[in-house]
Amino acid sequence: MSESLQSLDELQKNQSTEPDKPSTEEVVQREPQRDEWGRSYATGKRKNAIARVWIKPGAGQMTVNGKKMETYFARPVLQMILRRPFQLVNVENQFDVMATVRGGGLSGQAGAVKHGISKALQLYEPTFRPALKAAGLLTRDARVVERKKYGRRKARRSFQFSKR
């Protein structure tokens, strides 16, 4: 800008003559991704667990590795973790979930299935994405166990020190 501006009006006129730039307010329209049976598929990960999740409209039945969710994840806390994405977007008991999960322990597997459900929900209905994103359910939790170091008992725990 070689010329000096005298007022705010001149500044607005000067800005309006610039070529159109894409505004940050423009929202990218996403298309729903469903297969020929009306299902959406996503992969969820947590610690060492990997879950493959399919969701479709239904009565709210969840099966994990061929078993009902209540028998596979017996602890109520783990069941609550799996229901969280549906509660967040107010679609409880409207989708059937079929998941296969392997690796890790029960807590990691529950987190992986939750991550997969969240990703599959936003693929099934893109309008759910802002709510799920704001709650942090679409982000993979990257925390994993720290490796054991040589000369130590565990990752950070040392052997007992003896002065004499």
Protein backbone atom coordinates (compact mmCIF):
# COMPACT_ATOMS: atom_id res chain seq x y z
CA MET A 1 0.00 0.00 0.00
CA SER A 2 1.95 2.94 -1.26
CA GLU A 3 -0.84 5.47 -0.77
CA SER A 4 -1.83 6.64 2.70
CA LEU A 5 -5.39 6.17 3.85
CA GLN A 6 -7.17 9.10 5.46
CA SER A 7 -10.26 7.40 6.92
CA LEU A 8 -11.89 4.05 7.65
CA ASP A 9 -14.19 4.48 4.64
CA GLU A 10 -11.18 4.56 2.31
CA LEU A 11 -9.84 1.44 3.98
CA GLN A 12 -13.12 -0.43 3.44
CA LYS A 13 -13.26 0.64 -0.21
CA ASN A 14 -9.68 -0.47 -0.68
CA GLN A 15 -10.37 -3.88 0.86
CA SER A 16 -13.53 -4.42 -1.17
CA THR A 17 -11.58 -4.03 -4.44
CA GLU A 18 -9.27 -6.94 -3.56
CA PRO A 19 -10.00 -10.26 -5.26
CA ASP A 20 -12.38 -12.60 -3.47
CA LYS A 21 -10.64 -14.76 -0.93
CA PRO A 22 -12.35 -17.78 0.57
CA SER A 23 -13.70 -16.73 3.93
CA THR A 24 -13.06 -18.78 7.02
CA GLU A 25 -16.81 -18.86 7.67
CA GLU A 26 -17.50 -21.03 4.63
CA VAL A 27 -18.38 -24.52 5.78
CA VAL A 28 -17.32 -27.47 3.69
CA GLN A 29 -20.39 -29.51 2.79
CA ARG A 30 -19.70 -33.18 3.38
CA GLU A 31 -21.59 -36.03 1.78
CA PRO A 32 -22.82 -38.96 3.89
CA GLN A 33 -20.76 -42.08 3.29
CA ARG A 34 -22.89 -45.24 3.38
CA ASP A 35 -22.59 -48.63 1.69
CA GLU A 36 -25.32 -50.48 -0.25
CA TRP A 37 -26.85 -51.76 3.03
CA GLY A 38 -27.07 -48.24 4.51
CA ARG A 39 -24.17 -48.74 6.91
CA SER A 40 -21.26 -46.47 7.72
CA TYR A 41 -17.86 -47.93 8.55
CA ALA A 42 -15.00 -46.48 10.57
CA THR A 43 -11.88 -47.65 12.36
CA GLY A 44 -11.23 -46.57 15.93
CA LYS A 45 -7.97 -46.83 17.84
CA ARG A 46 -6.93 -46.48 21.48
CA LYS A 47 -3.67 -47.70 23.07
CA ASN A 48 -3.00 -51.06 21.37
CA ALA A 49 -6.65 -51.77 20.55
CA ILE A 50 -8.09 -51.45 17.04
CA ALA A 51 -11.85 -51.54 16.44
CA ARG A 52 -13.72 -51.91 13.17
CA VAL A 53 -17.19 -50.40 13.58
CA TRP A 54 -20.31 -50.48 11.38
CA ILE A 55 -23.42 -48.48 12.28
CA LYS A 56 -26.86 -48.57 10.68
CA PRO A 57 -30.31 -47.34 11.69
CA GLY A 58 -31.95 -49.72 14.13
CA ALA A 59 -33.18 -50.32 17.66
CA GLY A 60 -29.93 -49.50 19.48
CA GLN A 61 -28.41 -52.98 19.71
CA MET A 62 -24.64 -53.14 20.10
CA THR A 63 -22.62 -56.26 19.38
CA VAL A 64 -18.89 -56.46 19.99
CA ASN A 65 -17.03 -59.49 18.62
CA GLY A 66 -20.32 -61.34 18.20
CA LYS A 67 -21.45 -60.77 21.81
CA LYS A 68 -23.87 -58.23 23.24
CA MET A 69 -22.19 -55.13 24.60
CA GLU A 70 -23.46 -55.87 28.14
CA THR A 71 -21.68 -59.24 28.22
CA TYR A 72 -18.45 -58.19 26.46
CA PHE A 73 -18.03 -54.97 28.46
CA ALA A 74 -19.50 -56.04 31.81
CA ARG A 75 -18.42 -52.93 33.75
CA PRO A 76 -21.01 -50.11 33.68
CA VAL A 77 -18.25 -47.52 33.17
CA LEU A 78 -17.21 -49.14 29.89
CA GLN A 79 -20.84 -49.31 28.72
CA MET A 80 -21.23 -45.61 29.55
CA ILE A 81 -18.13 -44.84 27.45
CA LEU A 82 -19.72 -46.56 24.43
CA ARG A 83 -23.03 -44.70 24.80
CA ARG A 84 -21.40 -41.25 25.03
CA PRO A 85 -21.27 -40.43 21.26
CA PHE A 86 -24.98 -41.26 20.86
CA GLN A 87 -25.97 -39.18 23.92
CA LEU A 88 -23.97 -36.24 22.63
CA VAL A 89 -25.90 -36.03 19.34
CA ASN A 90 -29.27 -37.12 20.86
CA VAL A 91 -29.71 -40.31 18.82
CA GLU A 92 -29.79 -42.91 21.59
CA ASN A 93 -31.34 -46.24 20.60
CA GLN A 94 -31.59 -45.19 16.94
CA PHE A 95 -28.51 -46.99 15.57
CA ASP A 96 -27.34 -50.60 15.66
CA VAL A 97 -23.62 -51.07 16.14
CA MET A 98 -21.57 -54.07 15.01
CA ALA A 99 -17.93 -53.91 16.08
CA THR A 100 -14.94 -56.20 15.99
CA VAL A 101 -12.08 -55.23 18.26
CA ARG A 102 -8.69 -56.79 18.91
CA GLY A 103 -5.59 -55.98 20.91
CA GLY A 104 -5.11 -54.24 24.23
CA GLY A 105 -7.23 -54.59 27.37
CA LEU A 106 -10.89 -53.91 28.01
CA SER A 107 -10.41 -50.19 28.71
CA GLY A 108 -8.42 -49.65 25.51
CA GLN A 109 -10.93 -51.69 23.53
CA ALA A 110 -13.83 -49.62 24.88
CA GLY A 111 -11.99 -46.44 23.90
CA ALA A 112 -11.30 -47.82 20.44
CA VAL A 113 -14.96 -48.74 19.89
CA LYS A 114 -16.03 -45.28 21.11
CA HIS A 115 -13.62 -43.65 18.67
CA GLY A 116 -14.93 -45.85 15.84
CA ILE A 117 -18.58 -45.10 16.70
CA SER A 118 -17.88 -41.36 16.71
CA LYS A 119 -16.15 -41.48 13.33
CA ALA A 120 -18.88 -43.68 11.83
CA LEU A 121 -21.62 -41.35 13.14
CA GLN A 122 -20.06 -38.31 11.52
CA LEU A 123 -19.67 -40.24 8.27
CA TYR A 124 -23.30 -41.39 8.41
CA GLU A 125 -24.64 -37.90 9.18
CA PRO A 126 -22.14 -35.04 8.61
CA THR A 127 -24.24 -32.62 10.68
CA PHE A 128 -23.11 -34.53 13.81
CA ARG A 129 -19.47 -33.58 13.18
CA PRO A 130 -19.35 -30.21 15.05
CA ALA A 131 -20.77 -31.66 18.28
CA LEU A 132 -18.51 -34.72 18.17
CA LYS A 133 -15.46 -32.61 17.28
CA ALA A 134 -16.15 -30.14 20.09
CA ALA A 135 -16.32 -32.99 22.60
CA GLY A 136 -13.00 -34.36 21.31
CA LEU A 137 -14.42 -37.73 20.27
CA LEU A 138 -13.05 -37.63 16.71
CA THR A 139 -9.44 -37.19 17.85
CA ARG A 140 -7.41 -40.34 18.41
CA ASP A 141 -6.00 -40.44 21.94
CA ALA A 142 -2.30 -40.89 21.19
CA ARG A 143 -1.23 -41.83 24.74
CA VAL A 144 0.45 -45.24 24.84
CA VAL A 145 2.60 -47.07 27.37
CA GLU A 146 6.12 -45.71 27.69
CA ARG A 147 8.82 -48.23 26.76
CA LYS A 148 11.12 -49.83 29.30
CA LYS A 149 14.64 -48.39 29.40
CA TYR A 150 17.80 -50.41 29.94
CA GLY A 151 19.38 -50.17 33.39
CA ARG A 152 15.95 -49.63 34.96
CA ARG A 153 13.25 -51.87 36.36
CA LYS A 154 10.44 -50.29 34.35
CA ALA A 155 10.11 -47.21 32.14
CA ARG A 156 11.17 -44.83 34.92
CA ARG A 157 11.44 -46.95 38.08
CA SER A 158 15.05 -47.59 39.06
CA PHE A 159 16.50 -50.47 41.04
CA GLN A 160 16.74 -49.83 44.78
CA PHE A 161 19.82 -47.81 45.64
CA SER A 162 22.11 -49.25 48.30
CA LYS A 163 24.64 -46.92 49.87
CA ARG A 164 26.71 -49.80 51.39
